[in-house]
Amino acid sequence: MNQHQIKINILLFGACREVAGVSELSCELQSPATAANAWQELKRRFAELERFEASALVAVNEEHVQRTQSLNDGDTVAIFPPVSGG
């Protein structure tokens, strides 16, 4: 299988943004890549995001997805912390 790098954009919202100290970043991942690979790269850069491991929601190109979602070059991955309301 031909492996190459893809470049994606990552958007962080709410408490995830506060923990990381940034709202947007780009990164390169080895292809084939999934949303889970993007999450792993985020945790590598910002270890404190680990606390959102089980609860963070992920969207790719403005569509909520499972972390098994494949990523393509140029995709935008958004990470949302859990939201509660009353």
C-alpha atoms as a PDB file:
ATOM      1  CA  MET A   1       0.000   0.000   0.000  1.00  0.00           C
ATOM      2  CA  ASN A   2       1.314   3.411  -0.934  1.00  0.00           C
ATOM      3  CA  GLN A   3       1.664   5.531   2.189  1.00  0.00           C
ATOM      4  CA  HIS A   4       2.006   9.281   2.058  1.00  0.00           C
ATOM      5  CA  GLN A   5       1.354  12.279   4.251  1.00  0.00           C
ATOM      6  CA  ILE A   6      -1.949  14.123   4.286  1.00  0.00           C
ATOM      7  CA  LYS A   7      -2.419  17.578   5.738  1.00  0.00           C
ATOM      8  CA  ILE A   8      -5.540  18.275   7.778  1.00  0.00           C
ATOM      9  CA  ASN A   9      -6.885  21.233   9.710  1.00  0.00           C
ATOM     10  CA  ILE A  10      -8.061  20.721  13.302  1.00  0.00           C
ATOM     11  CA  LEU A  11     -10.515  22.993  15.093  1.00  0.00           C
ATOM     12  CA  LEU A  12     -10.886  22.834  18.878  1.00  0.00           C
ATOM     13  CA  PHE A  13     -13.944  24.069  20.747  1.00  0.00           C
ATOM     14  CA  GLY A  14     -14.920  24.807  24.350  1.00  0.00           C
ATOM     15  CA  ALA A  15     -12.880  23.189  27.109  1.00  0.00           C
ATOM     16  CA  CYS A  16     -10.700  21.381  24.547  1.00  0.00           C
ATOM     17  CA  ARG A  17      -9.661  24.751  23.128  1.00  0.00           C
ATOM     18  CA  GLU A  18      -8.985  26.093  26.614  1.00  0.00           C
ATOM     19  CA  VAL A  19      -6.814  23.098  27.543  1.00  0.00           C
ATOM     20  CA  ALA A  20      -4.790  23.257  24.315  1.00  0.00           C
ATOM     21  CA  GLY A  21      -4.509  27.044  24.288  1.00  0.00           C
ATOM     22  CA  VAL A  22      -5.253  27.144  20.549  1.00  0.00           C
ATOM     23  CA  SER A  23      -8.457  27.071  18.528  1.00  0.00           C
ATOM     24  CA  GLU A  24      -7.010  25.888  15.232  1.00  0.00           C
ATOM     25  CA  LEU A  25      -3.956  24.037  14.008  1.00  0.00           C
ATOM     26  CA  SER A  26      -2.852  21.965  11.078  1.00  0.00           C
ATOM     27  CA  CYS A  27      -0.996  18.703  11.128  1.00  0.00           C
ATOM     28  CA  GLU A  28       0.291  16.035   8.823  1.00  0.00           C
ATOM     29  CA  LEU A  29      -0.682  12.402   9.276  1.00  0.00           C
ATOM     30  CA  GLN A  30       0.487   9.242   7.626  1.00  0.00           C
ATOM     31  CA  SER A  31      -2.116   8.008   5.147  1.00  0.00           C
ATOM     32  CA  PRO A  32      -4.330   6.088   5.419  1.00  0.00           C
ATOM     33  CA  ALA A  33      -5.519   8.062   8.442  1.00  0.00           C
ATOM     34  CA  THR A  34      -8.650   8.205  10.570  1.00  0.00           C
ATOM     35  CA  ALA A  35     -10.176  10.686  12.980  1.00  0.00           C
ATOM     36  CA  ALA A  36      -8.670   8.524  15.752  1.00  0.00           C
ATOM     37  CA  ASN A  37      -5.198   9.182  14.320  1.00  0.00           C
ATOM     38  CA  ALA A  38      -5.915  12.918  14.451  1.00  0.00           C
ATOM     39  CA  TRP A  39      -7.019  12.564  18.077  1.00  0.00           C
ATOM     40  CA  GLN A  40      -3.797  10.690  18.916  1.00  0.00           C
ATOM     41  CA  GLU A  41      -1.734  13.469  17.343  1.00  0.00           C
ATOM     42  CA  LEU A  42      -3.643  16.058  19.377  1.00  0.00           C
ATOM     43  CA  LYS A  43      -2.975  14.130  22.601  1.00  0.00           C
ATOM     44  CA  ARG A  44       0.702  13.881  21.655  1.00  0.00           C
ATOM     45  CA  ARG A  45       0.853  17.671  21.368  1.00  0.00           C
ATOM     46  CA  PHE A  46      -1.500  18.464  24.265  1.00  0.00           C
ATOM     47  CA  ALA A  47      -1.404  15.616  26.799  1.00  0.00           C
ATOM     48  CA  GLU A  48      -4.072  17.249  28.972  1.00  0.00           C
ATOM     49  CA  LEU A  49      -6.668  16.485  26.282  1.00  0.00           C
ATOM     50  CA  GLU A  50      -6.534  12.879  27.520  1.00  0.00           C
ATOM     51  CA  ARG A  51      -9.313  13.723  29.981  1.00  0.00           C
ATOM     52  CA  PHE A  52     -11.718  14.114  27.041  1.00  0.00           C
ATOM     53  CA  GLU A  53     -10.758  10.750  25.467  1.00  0.00           C
ATOM     54  CA  ALA A  54     -14.056   8.989  26.172  1.00  0.00           C
ATOM     55  CA  SER A  55     -16.387  11.933  25.748  1.00  0.00           C
ATOM     56  CA  ALA A  56     -15.162  14.263  22.992  1.00  0.00           C
ATOM     57  CA  LEU A  57     -17.268  14.460  19.849  1.00  0.00           C
ATOM     58  CA  VAL A  58     -15.620  14.534  16.442  1.00  0.00           C
ATOM     59  CA  ALA A  59     -16.787  16.055  13.168  1.00  0.00           C
ATOM     60  CA  VAL A  60     -15.107  15.847   9.782  1.00  0.00           C
ATOM     61  CA  ASN A  61     -15.991  18.542   7.276  1.00  0.00           C
ATOM     62  CA  GLU A  62     -18.925  19.667   9.473  1.00  0.00           C
ATOM     63  CA  GLU A  63     -20.452  16.196   9.820  1.00  0.00           C
ATOM     64  CA  HIS A  64     -20.402  14.288  13.116  1.00  0.00           C
ATOM     65  CA  VAL A  65     -18.528  11.016  12.678  1.00  0.00           C
ATOM     66  CA  GLN A  66     -17.123   8.050  14.558  1.00  0.00           C
ATOM     67  CA  ARG A  67     -13.385   8.081  15.190  1.00  0.00           C
ATOM     68  CA  THR A  68     -13.011   5.311  12.625  1.00  0.00           C
ATOM     69  CA  GLN A  69     -13.866   7.845   9.885  1.00  0.00           C
ATOM     70  CA  SER A  70     -11.215   7.959   7.152  1.00  0.00           C
ATOM     71  CA  LEU A  71      -9.491  11.268   6.526  1.00  0.00           C
ATOM     72  CA  ASN A  72      -8.373  12.782   3.246  1.00  0.00           C
ATOM     73  CA  ASP A  73      -5.896  15.499   2.435  1.00  0.00           C
ATOM     74  CA  GLY A  74      -7.442  18.899   3.190  1.00  0.00           C
ATOM     75  CA  ASP A  75     -10.127  17.635   5.581  1.00  0.00           C
ATOM     76  CA  THR A  76     -11.156  19.699   8.593  1.00  0.00           C
ATOM     77  CA  VAL A  77     -11.542  17.810  11.866  1.00  0.00           C
ATOM     78  CA  ALA A  78     -13.453  19.518  14.678  1.00  0.00           C
ATOM     79  CA  ILE A  79     -13.205  18.362  18.302  1.00  0.00           C
ATOM     80  CA  PHE A  80     -15.990  19.213  20.734  1.00  0.00           C
ATOM     81  CA  PRO A  81     -15.988  18.557  24.473  1.00  0.00           C
ATOM     82  CA  PRO A  82     -19.073  16.981  26.003  1.00  0.00           C
ATOM     83  CA  VAL A  83     -21.936  19.425  26.350  1.00  0.00           C
ATOM     84  CA  SER A  84     -24.484  19.332  29.111  1.00  0.00           C
ATOM     85  CA  GLY A  85     -27.532  21.432  29.495  1.00  0.00           C
ATOM     86  CA  GLY A  86     -30.552  21.767  31.597  1.00  0.00           C
END
